Structures are given as structure tokens and as C-alpha cells.
Amino acid sequence: MPAHLKVLALVGFMLVVVATPREWFAAYAFFLAALVTVGAVGRVRPGWVLKRMLVETPFVVFAVLMPFISHGPRVEVLGLSLSESGLLSAWGLLAKGTLGVIAGLLLAATTTPQELVHGLERLRLPQQLVQIMAFMVRYLEVVTDEMRRMAVARASRGFVARNPLHWPVLARSVGALFIRSFERGERVHLAMVSRGYTGRMPR
């Protein structure tokens, strides 16, 4: 399927999930089954998806706390007094958040970054936004490689971050990486302008 159709399908799916009442448990089971089917058709390994679902950890922590901090009628669960409304809210947050993360990961697993950028361009997103995403895709590996070289340089000088006293060194490294990346971006932009760049990348 073309990338722009995948993006539209993802947006439509998430709108339906968000609009579904939390009490419709069967609907959420159907949504999960649909995502499992898409993953099977796209030959996406379950382990690949599960490892990358760690990005959802902050939502999980917040959802776990909701039954304890919410008000309203209480219910006993495993000897704990929990809020009924908090339990329902936690379920809704976990269900919708998990479905959204899985859907996004399936899109990432079946679409290359270049295809995604071209798909967003076909959807008539603002050109500047598309170009920013395109450059991010192009230079992410360059910046990551430079960050790796800086880590090797620190390690070769015997630096090991063991406690908060070492945080200033890491902060200076991040600042230096930002300045280098910014200067590289300026040089690349000047080189592109000198070669006739007018705001739209050639195919």
C-alpha cells in the first residue's frame, strides 16, 4: 500500500479508537485483532514490536497510579482499595495508548523513512515541515555516529559516568553535539542554495 494511504489509515484508525467509549470492551478486542492481522500480513515479528513498546512506559506508570489517586466509589482488588472510576480511566488510557503505539510501530515496520516523507508530501503537508523531516531522516545516522565517536573519546580518556557529579561533562558533550549539528546544517543549506535549491527536494 502507498505510504500516504497508510498514514491516512493510521489517522482514521486512531480517531475511531479515541472516539470509542471505554466500556466497549469487545470493540477494543476487535481493534487488537485487526492490528495482529495487519502485523501478520506485513510479516512483522512480534518480538520487534514488543521491544519497541517500551516507549509506552510513562503512560503505563501513570495508568497504574490512577486507581490509587482518583476519587469516587472504592472497590477491593487483591486487598487494595481502588477507585472504580480510576480503574476504568486506567483501562481506557492503557488500551488506547497501547493500540496507538502498536499501530504506529506497524507503520514504521512496513514503511521506509523515504517512503513516509514522500507520502506526507503527497498529502500536501507544508513543504517546510516535510523538508525538516527529510533532513532529520538523512542526517540522523550522521549525528548518531558523531555522538558515538564522542563517547569513544571520553572513554579513551578514562571517563565513566557513575554518579551525578559526572553530569556536567555529559551536558557539555550534548551542547557540543548540538553546536556541531547546527553548524553542519548551515553549511549544508548554503551548499544546497548555491546549487539552486528553492525549497523542494528533487526526486
N, C-alpha and C. Protein backbone atom coordinates (compact mmCIF):
# COMPACT_ATOMS: atom_id res chain seq x y z
N MET A 1 0.85 -1.19 0.00
CA MET A 1 0.00 0.00 0.00
C MET A 1 0.88 1.24 0.00
N PRO A 2 0.55 2.27 -0.79
CA PRO A 2 1.34 3.50 -0.79
C PRO A 2 1.39 4.13 0.60
N ALA A 3 2.49 4.85 0.85
CA ALA A 3 2.71 5.39 2.20
C ALA A 3 1.63 6.37 2.62
N HIS A 4 1.16 7.20 1.69
CA HIS A 4 0.16 8.19 2.09
C HIS A 4 -1.16 7.53 2.49
N LEU A 5 -1.47 6.39 1.87
CA LEU A 5 -2.68 5.66 2.27
C LEU A 5 -2.50 5.02 3.64
N LYS A 6 -1.29 4.56 3.94
CA LYS A 6 -1.01 4.01 5.27
C LYS A 6 -1.18 5.09 6.34
N VAL A 7 -0.69 6.29 6.06
CA VAL A 7 -0.82 7.38 7.04
C VAL A 7 -2.28 7.72 7.26
N LEU A 8 -3.05 7.80 6.17
CA LEU A 8 -4.48 8.08 6.32
C LEU A 8 -5.18 6.97 7.10
N ALA A 9 -4.81 5.71 6.84
CA ALA A 9 -5.40 4.60 7.57
C ALA A 9 -5.05 4.67 9.05
N LEU A 10 -3.81 5.04 9.37
CA LEU A 10 -3.40 5.17 10.77
C LEU A 10 -4.18 6.27 11.48
N VAL A 11 -4.30 7.42 10.83
CA VAL A 11 -5.04 8.53 11.43
C VAL A 11 -6.51 8.15 11.63
N GLY A 12 -7.11 7.53 10.62
CA GLY A 12 -8.51 7.12 10.75
C GLY A 12 -8.69 6.09 11.85
N PHE A 13 -7.78 5.13 11.93
CA PHE A 13 -7.86 4.11 12.97
C PHE A 13 -7.78 4.73 14.36
N MET A 14 -6.85 5.67 14.54
CA MET A 14 -6.70 6.28 15.86
C MET A 14 -7.89 7.16 16.23
N LEU A 15 -8.50 7.82 15.24
CA LEU A 15 -9.70 8.60 15.54
C LEU A 15 -10.83 7.69 16.03
N VAL A 16 -10.97 6.53 15.39
CA VAL A 16 -12.01 5.59 15.81
C VAL A 16 -11.71 5.06 17.21
N VAL A 17 -10.43 4.73 17.48
CA VAL A 17 -10.07 4.21 18.80
C VAL A 17 -10.32 5.24 19.89
N VAL A 18 -9.93 6.48 19.64
CA VAL A 18 -10.10 7.53 20.65
C VAL A 18 -11.59 7.80 20.89
N ALA A 19 -12.39 7.72 19.84
CA ALA A 19 -13.83 8.00 19.98
C ALA A 19 -14.61 6.85 20.59
N THR A 20 -14.01 5.67 20.70
CA THR A 20 -14.73 4.51 21.24
C THR A 20 -14.84 4.62 22.77
N PRO A 21 -16.02 4.50 23.33
CA PRO A 21 -16.17 4.55 24.79
C PRO A 21 -15.35 3.45 25.48
N ARG A 22 -14.87 3.77 26.69
CA ARG A 22 -14.04 2.82 27.42
C ARG A 22 -14.79 1.55 27.78
N GLU A 23 -16.11 1.65 27.87
CA GLU A 23 -16.90 0.49 28.30
C GLU A 23 -17.11 -0.54 27.19
N TRP A 24 -16.79 -0.22 25.96
CA TRP A 24 -16.99 -1.15 24.85
C TRP A 24 -15.78 -2.08 24.74
N PHE A 25 -15.68 -3.03 25.65
CA PHE A 25 -14.50 -3.90 25.70
C PHE A 25 -14.37 -4.75 24.44
N ALA A 26 -15.48 -5.22 23.90
CA ALA A 26 -15.42 -6.05 22.70
C ALA A 26 -14.83 -5.29 21.52
N ALA A 27 -15.11 -3.99 21.46
CA ALA A 27 -14.56 -3.19 20.36
C ALA A 27 -13.03 -3.14 20.43
N TYR A 28 -12.49 -3.03 21.64
CA TYR A 28 -11.04 -2.97 21.78
C TYR A 28 -10.41 -4.32 21.43
N ALA A 29 -11.10 -5.41 21.74
CA ALA A 29 -10.61 -6.72 21.33
C ALA A 29 -10.58 -6.83 19.80
N PHE A 30 -11.59 -6.26 19.15
CA PHE A 30 -11.63 -6.26 17.68
C PHE A 30 -10.48 -5.41 17.12
N PHE A 31 -10.22 -4.25 17.72
CA PHE A 31 -9.12 -3.40 17.26
C PHE A 31 -7.78 -4.14 17.37
N LEU A 32 -7.57 -4.83 18.50
CA LEU A 32 -6.32 -5.56 18.68
C LEU A 32 -6.20 -6.69 17.66
N ALA A 33 -7.31 -7.38 17.41
CA ALA A 33 -7.28 -8.46 16.42
C ALA A 33 -6.96 -7.90 15.03
N ALA A 34 -7.49 -6.72 14.72
CA ALA A 34 -7.20 -6.11 13.43
C ALA A 34 -5.71 -5.78 13.30
N LEU A 35 -5.11 -5.26 14.38
CA LEU A 35 -3.68 -4.94 14.33
C LEU A 35 -2.83 -6.20 14.22
N VAL A 36 -3.23 -7.26 14.92
CA VAL A 36 -2.50 -8.54 14.81
C VAL A 36 -2.57 -9.06 13.38
N THR A 37 -3.72 -8.92 12.75
CA THR A 37 -3.87 -9.36 11.37
C THR A 37 -2.97 -8.55 10.43
N VAL A 38 -2.96 -7.23 10.63
CA VAL A 38 -2.10 -6.38 9.80
C VAL A 38 -0.63 -6.75 9.99
N GLY A 39 -0.23 -7.00 11.25
CA GLY A 39 1.15 -7.39 11.51
C GLY A 39 1.50 -8.72 10.85
N ALA A 40 0.56 -9.66 10.86
CA ALA A 40 0.82 -10.96 10.23
C ALA A 40 0.94 -10.82 8.72
N VAL A 41 0.04 -10.02 8.12
CA VAL A 41 0.11 -9.81 6.67
C VAL A 41 1.41 -9.09 6.29
N GLY A 42 1.81 -8.12 7.13
CA GLY A 42 3.05 -7.39 6.85
C GLY A 42 4.30 -8.11 7.29
N ARG A 43 4.16 -9.33 7.87
CA ARG A 43 5.30 -10.14 8.30
C ARG A 43 6.17 -9.40 9.31
N VAL A 44 5.53 -8.72 10.24
CA VAL A 44 6.24 -8.01 11.30
C VAL A 44 6.38 -8.96 12.48
N ARG A 45 7.62 -9.16 12.95
CA ARG A 45 7.85 -10.09 14.06
C ARG A 45 7.32 -9.51 15.37
N PRO A 46 6.58 -10.31 16.15
CA PRO A 46 6.05 -9.81 17.43
C PRO A 46 7.14 -9.31 18.37
N GLY A 47 8.30 -9.97 18.36
CA GLY A 47 9.40 -9.53 19.23
C GLY A 47 9.87 -8.13 18.89
N TRP A 48 9.89 -7.80 17.60
CA TRP A 48 10.30 -6.46 17.18
C TRP A 48 9.36 -5.41 17.74
N VAL A 49 8.07 -5.70 17.71
CA VAL A 49 7.07 -4.75 18.22
C VAL A 49 7.16 -4.64 19.74
N LEU A 50 7.27 -5.77 20.43
CA LEU A 50 7.27 -5.77 21.89
C LEU A 50 8.47 -5.00 22.45
N LYS A 51 9.64 -5.15 21.84
CA LYS A 51 10.82 -4.44 22.34
C LYS A 51 10.65 -2.93 22.23
N ARG A 52 10.00 -2.48 21.16
CA ARG A 52 9.87 -1.05 20.94
C ARG A 52 8.66 -0.45 21.65
N MET A 53 7.86 -1.28 22.28
CA MET A 53 6.73 -0.76 23.05
C MET A 53 7.16 -0.19 24.39
N LEU A 54 8.45 -0.25 24.71
CA LEU A 54 8.94 0.37 25.95
C LEU A 54 8.72 1.87 25.95
N VAL A 55 8.51 2.45 24.77
CA VAL A 55 8.24 3.89 24.70
C VAL A 55 6.96 4.24 25.44
N GLU A 56 6.12 3.25 25.68
CA GLU A 56 4.85 3.48 26.35
C GLU A 56 4.97 3.48 27.88
N THR A 57 6.15 3.25 28.39
CA THR A 57 6.34 3.10 29.84
C THR A 57 5.78 4.25 30.67
N PRO A 58 6.00 5.53 30.30
CA PRO A 58 5.42 6.61 31.12
C PRO A 58 3.91 6.55 31.22
N PHE A 59 3.22 6.17 30.14
CA PHE A 59 1.77 6.05 30.18
C PHE A 59 1.35 4.91 31.10
N VAL A 60 2.11 3.82 31.08
CA VAL A 60 1.78 2.68 31.94
C VAL A 60 1.92 3.08 33.42
N VAL A 61 2.99 3.79 33.74
CA VAL A 61 3.19 4.22 35.14
C VAL A 61 2.05 5.12 35.58
N PHE A 62 1.68 6.06 34.73
CA PHE A 62 0.57 6.97 35.09
C PHE A 62 -0.74 6.20 35.24
N ALA A 63 -0.98 5.24 34.35
CA ALA A 63 -2.22 4.45 34.42
C ALA A 63 -2.26 3.62 35.70
N VAL A 64 -1.12 3.08 36.14
CA VAL A 64 -1.08 2.29 37.36
C VAL A 64 -1.41 3.15 38.58
N LEU A 65 -1.02 4.42 38.54
CA LEU A 65 -1.27 5.30 39.68
C LEU A 65 -2.72 5.80 39.74
N MET A 66 -3.40 5.82 38.62
CA MET A 66 -4.74 6.42 38.58
C MET A 66 -5.74 5.77 39.54
N PRO A 67 -5.81 4.44 39.67
CA PRO A 67 -6.78 3.87 40.62
C PRO A 67 -6.51 4.26 42.07
N PHE A 68 -5.28 4.63 42.38
CA PHE A 68 -4.94 4.99 43.76
C PHE A 68 -5.23 6.45 44.07
N ILE A 69 -5.11 7.32 43.07
CA ILE A 69 -5.24 8.76 43.34
C ILE A 69 -6.60 9.32 42.94
N SER A 70 -7.42 8.53 42.22
CA SER A 70 -8.73 9.02 41.79
C SER A 70 -9.73 8.95 42.94
N HIS A 71 -10.75 9.80 42.86
CA HIS A 71 -11.80 9.84 43.87
C HIS A 71 -13.01 9.02 43.40
N GLY A 72 -14.00 8.93 44.25
CA GLY A 72 -15.23 8.22 43.90
C GLY A 72 -15.35 6.91 44.65
N PRO A 73 -16.36 6.11 44.29
CA PRO A 73 -16.57 4.82 44.96
C PRO A 73 -15.33 3.94 44.88
N ARG A 74 -15.08 3.19 45.97
CA ARG A 74 -13.92 2.33 46.05
C ARG A 74 -14.31 0.87 45.89
N VAL A 75 -13.36 0.06 45.47
CA VAL A 75 -13.58 -1.37 45.31
C VAL A 75 -12.31 -2.09 45.77
N GLU A 76 -12.48 -3.26 46.37
CA GLU A 76 -11.35 -4.03 46.87
C GLU A 76 -10.81 -4.94 45.76
N VAL A 77 -9.52 -4.80 45.48
CA VAL A 77 -8.85 -5.65 44.49
C VAL A 77 -7.55 -6.14 45.11
N LEU A 78 -7.47 -7.44 45.36
CA LEU A 78 -6.28 -8.05 45.96
C LEU A 78 -5.90 -7.36 47.28
N GLY A 79 -6.91 -7.00 48.05
CA GLY A 79 -6.67 -6.36 49.33
C GLY A 79 -6.39 -4.87 49.26
N LEU A 80 -6.43 -4.30 48.06
CA LEU A 80 -6.17 -2.87 47.88
C LEU A 80 -7.48 -2.13 47.61
N SER A 81 -7.63 -0.97 48.20
CA SER A 81 -8.81 -0.14 47.97
C SER A 81 -8.55 0.77 46.78
N LEU A 82 -9.24 0.51 45.68
CA LEU A 82 -9.01 1.24 44.44
C LEU A 82 -10.28 1.96 44.02
N SER A 83 -10.09 3.05 43.29
CA SER A 83 -11.22 3.82 42.78
C SER A 83 -11.78 3.15 41.53
N GLU A 84 -13.12 3.00 41.51
CA GLU A 84 -13.74 2.39 40.33
C GLU A 84 -13.53 3.25 39.09
N SER A 85 -13.73 4.57 39.23
CA SER A 85 -13.52 5.45 38.09
C SER A 85 -12.06 5.47 37.68
N GLY A 86 -11.15 5.36 38.66
CA GLY A 86 -9.73 5.32 38.34
C GLY A 86 -9.35 4.07 37.57
N LEU A 87 -9.95 2.93 37.97
CA LEU A 87 -9.69 1.69 37.23
C LEU A 87 -10.16 1.79 35.79
N LEU A 88 -11.34 2.36 35.59
CA LEU A 88 -11.87 2.49 34.24
C LEU A 88 -11.02 3.46 33.41
N SER A 89 -10.60 4.56 34.05
CA SER A 89 -9.75 5.52 33.33
C SER A 89 -8.41 4.91 32.99
N ALA A 90 -7.84 4.12 33.92
CA ALA A 90 -6.56 3.47 33.65
C ALA A 90 -6.69 2.48 32.49
N TRP A 91 -7.79 1.73 32.48
CA TRP A 91 -8.03 0.80 31.38
C TRP A 91 -8.13 1.55 30.04
N GLY A 92 -8.88 2.65 30.03
CA GLY A 92 -9.02 3.40 28.79
C GLY A 92 -7.70 3.94 28.29
N LEU A 93 -6.88 4.49 29.23
CA LEU A 93 -5.59 5.04 28.84
C LEU A 93 -4.67 3.95 28.31
N LEU A 94 -4.61 2.82 29.02
CA LEU A 94 -3.73 1.74 28.58
C LEU A 94 -4.18 1.16 27.23
N ALA A 95 -5.49 0.93 27.08
CA ALA A 95 -5.99 0.33 25.85
C ALA A 95 -5.74 1.23 24.65
N LYS A 96 -6.13 2.49 24.77
CA LYS A 96 -5.98 3.40 23.63
C LYS A 96 -4.52 3.70 23.34
N GLY A 97 -3.73 3.89 24.41
CA GLY A 97 -2.31 4.15 24.20
C GLY A 97 -1.59 2.98 23.57
N THR A 98 -1.88 1.76 24.05
CA THR A 98 -1.23 0.58 23.50
C THR A 98 -1.60 0.35 22.05
N LEU A 99 -2.87 0.51 21.72
CA LEU A 99 -3.30 0.35 20.32
C LEU A 99 -2.61 1.38 19.43
N GLY A 100 -2.49 2.62 19.92
CA GLY A 100 -1.83 3.65 19.13
C GLY A 100 -0.36 3.36 18.91
N VAL A 101 0.32 2.88 19.95
CA VAL A 101 1.74 2.55 19.82
C VAL A 101 1.94 1.39 18.84
N ILE A 102 1.11 0.36 18.97
CA ILE A 102 1.24 -0.79 18.06
C ILE A 102 0.98 -0.37 16.62
N ALA A 103 -0.05 0.45 16.41
CA ALA A 103 -0.36 0.89 15.05
C ALA A 103 0.79 1.71 14.47
N GLY A 104 1.36 2.61 15.27
CA GLY A 104 2.49 3.39 14.80
C GLY A 104 3.71 2.53 14.49
N LEU A 105 3.96 1.52 15.33
CA LEU A 105 5.09 0.63 15.08
C LEU A 105 4.88 -0.20 13.81
N LEU A 106 3.65 -0.61 13.56
CA LEU A 106 3.38 -1.35 12.32
C LEU A 106 3.63 -0.48 11.10
N LEU A 107 3.25 0.80 11.20
CA LEU A 107 3.55 1.72 10.09
C LEU A 107 5.05 1.86 9.90
N ALA A 108 5.79 2.01 11.00
CA ALA A 108 7.24 2.16 10.90
C ALA A 108 7.91 0.90 10.36
N ALA A 109 7.36 -0.27 10.70
CA ALA A 109 7.97 -1.53 10.27
C ALA A 109 7.73 -1.83 8.80
N THR A 110 6.67 -1.28 8.23
CA THR A 110 6.32 -1.62 6.85
C THR A 110 6.55 -0.47 5.88
N THR A 111 7.11 0.64 6.37
CA THR A 111 7.31 1.82 5.51
C THR A 111 8.70 2.38 5.78
N THR A 112 9.48 2.58 4.72
CA THR A 112 10.80 3.17 4.88
C THR A 112 10.65 4.67 5.17
N PRO A 113 11.64 5.28 5.81
CA PRO A 113 11.55 6.73 6.07
C PRO A 113 11.36 7.55 4.81
N GLN A 114 12.05 7.16 3.74
CA GLN A 114 11.91 7.91 2.49
C GLN A 114 10.48 7.81 1.95
N GLU A 115 9.90 6.62 2.00
CA GLU A 115 8.52 6.46 1.55
C GLU A 115 7.57 7.29 2.40
N LEU A 116 7.82 7.33 3.70
CA LEU A 116 6.96 8.11 4.58
C LEU A 116 7.03 9.59 4.26
N VAL A 117 8.23 10.09 4.00
CA VAL A 117 8.38 11.51 3.66
C VAL A 117 7.64 11.82 2.36
N HIS A 118 7.80 10.96 1.35
CA HIS A 118 7.10 11.19 0.08
C HIS A 118 5.59 11.07 0.27
N GLY A 119 5.16 10.17 1.16
CA GLY A 119 3.73 10.06 1.43
C GLY A 119 3.16 11.31 2.06
N LEU A 120 3.89 11.89 3.01
CA LEU A 120 3.45 13.14 3.63
C LEU A 120 3.42 14.28 2.61
N GLU A 121 4.36 14.24 1.67
CA GLU A 121 4.37 15.25 0.62
C GLU A 121 3.14 15.11 -0.27
N ARG A 122 2.73 13.89 -0.56
CA ARG A 122 1.54 13.67 -1.38
C ARG A 122 0.27 14.10 -0.66
N LEU A 123 0.32 14.07 0.67
CA LEU A 123 -0.84 14.52 1.45
C LEU A 123 -0.89 16.04 1.59
N ARG A 124 0.01 16.73 0.90
CA ARG A 124 0.04 18.19 0.86
C ARG A 124 0.33 18.82 2.23
N LEU A 125 1.19 18.16 3.01
CA LEU A 125 1.64 18.79 4.23
C LEU A 125 2.53 19.98 3.87
N PRO A 126 2.66 20.97 4.76
CA PRO A 126 3.53 22.11 4.46
C PRO A 126 4.94 21.65 4.08
N GLN A 127 5.45 22.24 3.00
CA GLN A 127 6.74 21.82 2.48
C GLN A 127 7.86 21.94 3.50
N GLN A 128 7.84 23.02 4.30
CA GLN A 128 8.91 23.19 5.28
C GLN A 128 8.91 22.05 6.29
N LEU A 129 7.72 21.62 6.73
CA LEU A 129 7.64 20.52 7.67
C LEU A 129 8.17 19.23 7.04
N VAL A 130 7.79 18.98 5.80
CA VAL A 130 8.26 17.78 5.12
C VAL A 130 9.77 17.81 4.94
N GLN A 131 10.32 18.98 4.59
CA GLN A 131 11.77 19.09 4.40
C GLN A 131 12.52 18.88 5.71
N ILE A 132 11.98 19.39 6.82
CA ILE A 132 12.61 19.18 8.12
C ILE A 132 12.67 17.69 8.43
N MET A 133 11.56 16.98 8.18
CA MET A 133 11.54 15.54 8.42
C MET A 133 12.52 14.81 7.50
N ALA A 134 12.60 15.26 6.24
CA ALA A 134 13.51 14.61 5.30
C ALA A 134 14.96 14.77 5.74
N PHE A 135 15.33 15.97 6.19
CA PHE A 135 16.71 16.19 6.65
C PHE A 135 16.98 15.42 7.94
N MET A 136 15.97 15.29 8.80
CA MET A 136 16.15 14.51 10.01
C MET A 136 16.46 13.06 9.67
N VAL A 137 15.74 12.53 8.67
CA VAL A 137 15.98 11.16 8.25
C VAL A 137 17.37 11.02 7.65
N ARG A 138 17.77 12.01 6.84
CA ARG A 138 19.05 11.92 6.15
C ARG A 138 20.23 12.00 7.11
N TYR A 139 20.13 12.87 8.15
CA TYR A 139 21.29 13.15 8.98
C TYR A 139 21.22 12.53 10.36
N LEU A 140 20.21 11.72 10.64
CA LEU A 140 20.12 11.08 11.95
C LEU A 140 21.31 10.15 12.17
N GLU A 141 21.66 9.38 11.14
CA GLU A 141 22.80 8.47 11.29
C GLU A 141 24.11 9.24 11.45
N VAL A 142 24.24 10.38 10.77
CA VAL A 142 25.46 11.18 10.89
C VAL A 142 25.62 11.69 12.32
N VAL A 143 24.55 12.23 12.88
CA VAL A 143 24.60 12.76 14.24
C VAL A 143 24.82 11.63 15.25
N THR A 144 24.16 10.49 15.03
CA THR A 144 24.35 9.35 15.93
C THR A 144 25.78 8.85 15.89
N ASP A 145 26.38 8.83 14.70
CA ASP A 145 27.77 8.39 14.57
C ASP A 145 28.71 9.36 15.28
N GLU A 146 28.44 10.65 15.16
CA GLU A 146 29.28 11.63 15.85
C GLU A 146 29.14 11.49 17.37
N MET A 147 27.93 11.23 17.84
CA MET A 147 27.73 11.02 19.27
C MET A 147 28.50 9.78 19.74
N ARG A 148 28.54 8.75 18.91
CA ARG A 148 29.29 7.54 19.26
C ARG A 148 30.79 7.84 19.33
N ARG A 149 31.29 8.63 18.41
CA ARG A 149 32.72 8.98 18.43
C ARG A 149 33.07 9.79 19.68
N MET A 150 32.16 10.70 20.09
CA MET A 150 32.41 11.48 21.30
C MET A 150 32.43 10.57 22.53
N ALA A 151 31.57 9.56 22.55
CA ALA A 151 31.57 8.61 23.67
C ALA A 151 32.87 7.82 23.72
N VAL A 152 33.38 7.42 22.54
CA VAL A 152 34.65 6.71 22.49
C VAL A 152 35.78 7.60 22.97
N ALA A 153 35.77 8.89 22.59
CA ALA A 153 36.81 9.82 23.03
C ALA A 153 36.78 9.99 24.55
N ARG A 154 35.58 10.07 25.13
CA ARG A 154 35.50 10.18 26.59
C ARG A 154 36.01 8.91 27.27
N ALA A 155 35.64 7.77 26.72
CA ALA A 155 36.07 6.50 27.32
C ALA A 155 37.58 6.33 27.21
N SER A 156 38.18 6.77 26.09
CA SER A 156 39.63 6.64 25.92
C SER A 156 40.41 7.51 26.90
N ARG A 157 39.76 8.51 27.47
CA ARG A 157 40.38 9.36 28.49
C ARG A 157 40.02 8.91 29.91
N GLY A 158 39.40 7.73 30.00
CA GLY A 158 39.10 7.17 31.30
C GLY A 158 37.83 7.66 31.94
N PHE A 159 36.97 8.31 31.16
CA PHE A 159 35.74 8.84 31.75
C PHE A 159 34.65 7.77 31.77
N VAL A 160 34.04 7.60 32.95
CA VAL A 160 32.90 6.69 33.11
C VAL A 160 31.87 7.42 33.97
N ALA A 161 30.65 7.60 33.44
CA ALA A 161 29.61 8.32 34.17
C ALA A 161 29.01 7.39 35.23
N ARG A 162 29.40 7.63 36.49
CA ARG A 162 28.92 6.76 37.58
C ARG A 162 27.94 7.46 38.51
N ASN A 163 27.98 8.79 38.60
CA ASN A 163 27.13 9.49 39.55
C ASN A 163 26.81 10.88 39.01
N PRO A 164 25.91 11.61 39.66
CA PRO A 164 25.51 12.94 39.16
C PRO A 164 26.65 13.94 39.02
N LEU A 165 27.77 13.71 39.69
CA LEU A 165 28.91 14.63 39.55
C LEU A 165 29.46 14.63 38.13
N HIS A 166 29.18 13.58 37.39
CA HIS A 166 29.67 13.50 36.01
C HIS A 166 28.69 14.08 35.00
N TRP A 167 27.52 14.49 35.46
CA TRP A 167 26.53 15.03 34.54
C TRP A 167 26.99 16.28 33.80
N PRO A 168 27.75 17.20 34.44
CA PRO A 168 28.21 18.37 33.68
C PRO A 168 29.02 18.01 32.45
N VAL A 169 29.84 16.95 32.55
CA VAL A 169 30.63 16.53 31.38
C VAL A 169 29.70 16.06 30.26
N LEU A 170 28.68 15.27 30.62
CA LEU A 170 27.73 14.82 29.62
C LEU A 170 26.94 15.98 29.03
N ALA A 171 26.59 16.96 29.87
CA ALA A 171 25.86 18.13 29.37
C ALA A 171 26.71 18.92 28.38
N ARG A 172 28.00 19.09 28.66
CA ARG A 172 28.87 19.79 27.71
C ARG A 172 29.00 19.01 26.41
N SER A 173 29.01 17.69 26.50
CA SER A 173 29.08 16.88 25.27
C SER A 173 27.83 17.07 24.43
N VAL A 174 26.67 17.10 25.10
CA VAL A 174 25.41 17.31 24.36
C VAL A 174 25.40 18.70 23.72
N GLY A 175 25.88 19.70 24.46
CA GLY A 175 25.95 21.06 23.90
C GLY A 175 26.87 21.14 22.70
N ALA A 176 28.03 20.49 22.80
CA ALA A 176 28.97 20.49 21.67
C ALA A 176 28.36 19.77 20.46
N LEU A 177 27.64 18.68 20.72
CA LEU A 177 26.99 17.96 19.61
C LEU A 177 25.93 18.83 18.95
N PHE A 178 25.17 19.57 19.75
CA PHE A 178 24.15 20.45 19.18
C PHE A 178 24.78 21.53 18.31
N ILE A 179 25.86 22.15 18.79
CA ILE A 179 26.51 23.22 18.02
C ILE A 179 27.09 22.66 16.72
N ARG A 180 27.72 21.49 16.79
CA ARG A 180 28.26 20.89 15.57
C ARG A 180 27.16 20.57 14.57
N SER A 181 26.06 20.05 15.06
CA SER A 181 24.94 19.70 14.16
C SER A 181 24.34 20.96 13.54
N PHE A 182 24.21 22.02 14.35
CA PHE A 182 23.66 23.27 13.84
C PHE A 182 24.57 23.85 12.76
N GLU A 183 25.89 23.86 13.01
CA GLU A 183 26.83 24.40 12.03
C GLU A 183 26.84 23.54 10.76
N ARG A 184 26.74 22.21 10.91
CA ARG A 184 26.67 21.35 9.74
C ARG A 184 25.42 21.66 8.92
N GLY A 185 24.29 21.86 9.62
CA GLY A 185 23.06 22.20 8.92
C GLY A 185 23.18 23.49 8.12
N GLU A 186 23.84 24.50 8.70
CA GLU A 186 24.03 25.76 7.97
C GLU A 186 24.90 25.55 6.73
N ARG A 187 25.98 24.78 6.87
CA ARG A 187 26.86 24.54 5.72
C ARG A 187 26.12 23.78 4.63
N VAL A 188 25.35 22.78 5.01
CA VAL A 188 24.60 22.01 4.02
C VAL A 188 23.57 22.89 3.33
N HIS A 189 22.90 23.76 4.09
CA HIS A 189 21.89 24.64 3.48
C HIS A 189 22.54 25.61 2.50
N LEU A 190 23.67 26.19 2.87
CA LEU A 190 24.36 27.11 1.95
C LEU A 190 24.80 26.38 0.68
N ALA A 191 25.28 25.15 0.84
CA ALA A 191 25.70 24.38 -0.33
C ALA A 191 24.51 24.07 -1.23
N MET A 192 23.36 23.78 -0.64
CA MET A 192 22.17 23.49 -1.44
C MET A 192 21.68 24.74 -2.17
N VAL A 193 21.66 25.88 -1.46
CA VAL A 193 21.21 27.12 -2.10
C VAL A 193 22.12 27.48 -3.27
N SER A 194 23.43 27.27 -3.09
CA SER A 194 24.36 27.60 -4.18
C SER A 194 24.18 26.68 -5.38
N ARG A 195 23.48 25.55 -5.19
CA ARG A 195 23.23 24.63 -6.30
C ARG A 195 21.79 24.73 -6.80
N GLY A 196 21.08 25.79 -6.41
CA GLY A 196 19.77 26.04 -6.97
C GLY A 196 18.60 25.53 -6.15
N TYR A 197 18.80 25.22 -4.88
CA TYR A 197 17.71 24.73 -4.04
C TYR A 197 16.69 25.84 -3.82
N THR A 198 15.41 25.54 -4.05
CA THR A 198 14.34 26.55 -3.94
C THR A 198 13.26 26.16 -2.93
N GLY A 199 13.53 25.14 -2.10
CA GLY A 199 12.55 24.74 -1.10
C GLY A 199 11.89 23.41 -1.37
N ARG A 200 12.21 22.76 -2.48
CA ARG A 200 11.64 21.46 -2.79
C ARG A 200 12.77 20.53 -3.23
N MET A 201 12.86 19.37 -2.56
CA MET A 201 13.92 18.42 -2.89
C MET A 201 13.60 17.71 -4.20
N PRO A 202 14.61 17.45 -5.02
CA PRO A 202 14.38 16.67 -6.24
C PRO A 202 14.09 15.22 -5.87
N ARG A 203 13.36 14.55 -6.73
CA ARG A 203 13.04 13.14 -6.50
C ARG A 203 14.32 12.31 -6.61
